[in-house]
Protein backbone atom coordinates (compact mmCIF):
# COMPACT_ATOMS: atom_id res chain seq x y z
CA UNK A 1 -9.78 -42.93 12.86
CA UNK A 2 -8.61 -39.31 13.03
CA UNK A 3 -10.70 -36.60 11.33
CA UNK A 4 -9.78 -35.06 8.06
CA UNK A 5 -9.61 -31.31 7.94
CA UNK A 6 -9.76 -28.89 5.02
CA UNK A 7 -8.07 -25.60 5.54
CA UNK A 8 -7.84 -22.29 3.66
CA UNK A 9 -4.25 -21.00 3.48
CA UNK A 10 -5.00 -17.39 4.10
CA UNK A 11 -7.54 -18.11 6.91
CA UNK A 12 -5.00 -20.00 9.04
CA UNK A 13 -1.83 -18.22 8.33
CA UNK A 14 -0.65 -14.76 9.21
CA UNK A 15 1.38 -13.75 6.21
CA UNK A 16 3.43 -10.61 6.43
CA UNK A 17 5.24 -9.11 3.50
CA UNK A 18 8.26 -7.48 5.02
CA UNK A 19 9.67 -5.48 2.14
CA UNK A 20 11.16 -5.39 -1.29
CA UNK A 21 14.83 -5.70 -2.30
CA UNK A 22 16.92 -2.88 -0.92
CA UNK A 23 19.16 -0.63 -2.90
CA UNK A 24 22.81 0.07 -2.19
CA UNK A 25 22.21 2.96 0.19
CA UNK A 26 20.45 3.31 3.60
CA UNK A 27 17.44 5.21 2.38
CA UNK A 28 15.23 2.04 2.45
CA UNK A 29 13.75 -0.18 -0.22
CA UNK A 30 14.18 0.83 -3.86
CA UNK A 31 12.22 -0.19 -6.94
CA UNK A 32 8.66 -1.60 -6.99
CA UNK A 33 6.97 -2.30 -3.67
CA UNK A 34 4.60 -5.17 -2.85
CA UNK A 35 0.95 -4.27 -3.62
CA UNK A 36 -0.85 -7.59 -3.51
CA UNK A 37 -0.48 -11.11 -2.32
CA UNK A 38 -2.54 -14.22 -3.15
CA UNK A 39 -2.31 -17.92 -2.42
CA UNK A 40 -0.42 -19.66 -5.24
CA UNK A 41 -0.25 -23.24 -3.96
CA UNK A 42 -1.52 -25.34 -1.06
CA UNK A 43 -4.94 -23.60 -0.47
CA UNK A 44 -7.89 -25.66 0.48
CA UNK A 45 -6.05 -28.94 1.17
CA UNK A 46 -7.45 -31.86 3.21
CA UNK A 47 -5.28 -33.98 5.46
CA UNK A 48 -5.49 -36.02 8.65
CA UNK A 49 -4.95 -33.95 11.78
CA UNK A 50 -1.35 -34.15 13.04
CA UNK A 51 0.02 -34.80 9.53
CA UNK A 52 1.66 -32.65 6.96
CA UNK A 53 -0.31 -31.40 3.93
CA UNK A 54 0.90 -32.74 0.68
CA UNK A 55 1.61 -29.30 -0.96
CA UNK A 56 3.46 -26.68 1.04
CA UNK A 57 1.46 -23.49 1.14
CA UNK A 58 2.86 -20.64 -1.03
CA UNK A 59 1.91 -17.03 -1.91
CA UNK A 60 2.57 -14.88 -5.00
CA UNK A 61 3.59 -11.30 -4.33
CA UNK A 62 2.96 -8.64 -7.07
CA UNK A 63 3.70 -4.96 -7.51
CA UNK A 64 1.08 -2.26 -8.38
CA UNK A 65 1.45 -3.14 -12.09
CA UNK A 66 0.63 -6.77 -11.38
CA UNK A 67 4.17 -8.02 -12.00
CA UNK A 68 5.65 -10.71 -9.76
CA UNK A 69 8.19 -9.31 -7.22
CA UNK A 70 11.36 -11.25 -6.54
CA UNK A 71 13.47 -10.93 -3.36
CA UNK A 72 10.58 -9.92 -1.08
CA UNK A 73 10.71 -11.26 2.54
CA UNK A 74 7.60 -13.02 3.60
CA UNK A 75 6.89 -14.32 7.13
CA UNK A 76 4.34 -17.13 7.66
CA UNK A 77 2.77 -18.05 11.06
CA UNK A 78 -0.08 -20.34 12.01
CA UNK A 79 -2.77 -18.24 13.71
CA UNK A 80 -5.65 -20.73 14.18
CA UNK A 81 -6.18 -24.51 14.65
CA UNK A 82 -2.74 -25.23 16.01
CA UNK A 83 -0.17 -27.03 13.93
CA UNK A 84 3.35 -26.23 12.94
CA UNK A 85 5.29 -24.93 9.94
CA UNK A 86 8.91 -25.10 8.87
CA UNK A 87 10.51 -22.38 6.85
CA UNK A 88 8.35 -19.58 8.22
CA UNK A 89 10.76 -16.92 6.96
CA UNK A 90 10.81 -17.10 3.17
CA UNK A 91 11.92 -14.93 0.24
CA UNK A 92 10.12 -14.69 -3.06
CA UNK A 93 11.80 -16.32 -5.96
CA UNK A 94 12.19 -14.88 -9.49
CA UNK A 95 8.50 -15.66 -10.08
CA UNK A 96 7.42 -13.71 -7.01
CA UNK A 97 6.52 -16.95 -5.09
CA UNK A 98 7.41 -17.69 -1.41
CA UNK A 99 6.60 -21.04 0.21
CA UNK A 100 6.83 -22.60 3.68
CA UNK A 101 8.98 -25.74 3.93
CA UNK A 102 6.07 -27.83 5.39
CA UNK A 103 2.75 -27.34 7.22
CA UNK A 104 1.61 -29.99 9.76
CA UNK A 105 -2.04 -29.61 10.77
CA UNK A 106 -2.92 -29.15 14.42
CA UNK A 107 -5.39 -31.15 16.41
CA UNK A 108 -7.54 -28.08 17.37
């Protein structure tokens, strides 16, 4: 029988917020900028090593006022324990949420 592992989303992923929506000129991002990020789904799951977790990990990105930010590029990467993800480059939706396509746990 393969062991079951429980993992924390933010402990095993490197998650980088790449920027907010850009304006129509070349001066850089306009409007509110990302100020915080928190796990919104898929944190603390248990699964058998080498299998996908049931809920794809997701994060919520907010501005300094605490409002969700849409159209923010987020990059996910596994940084510990092995495993693979699909959909590593994601963009926040209208609710400020970005998610990976899937996360398969590693055997390490």
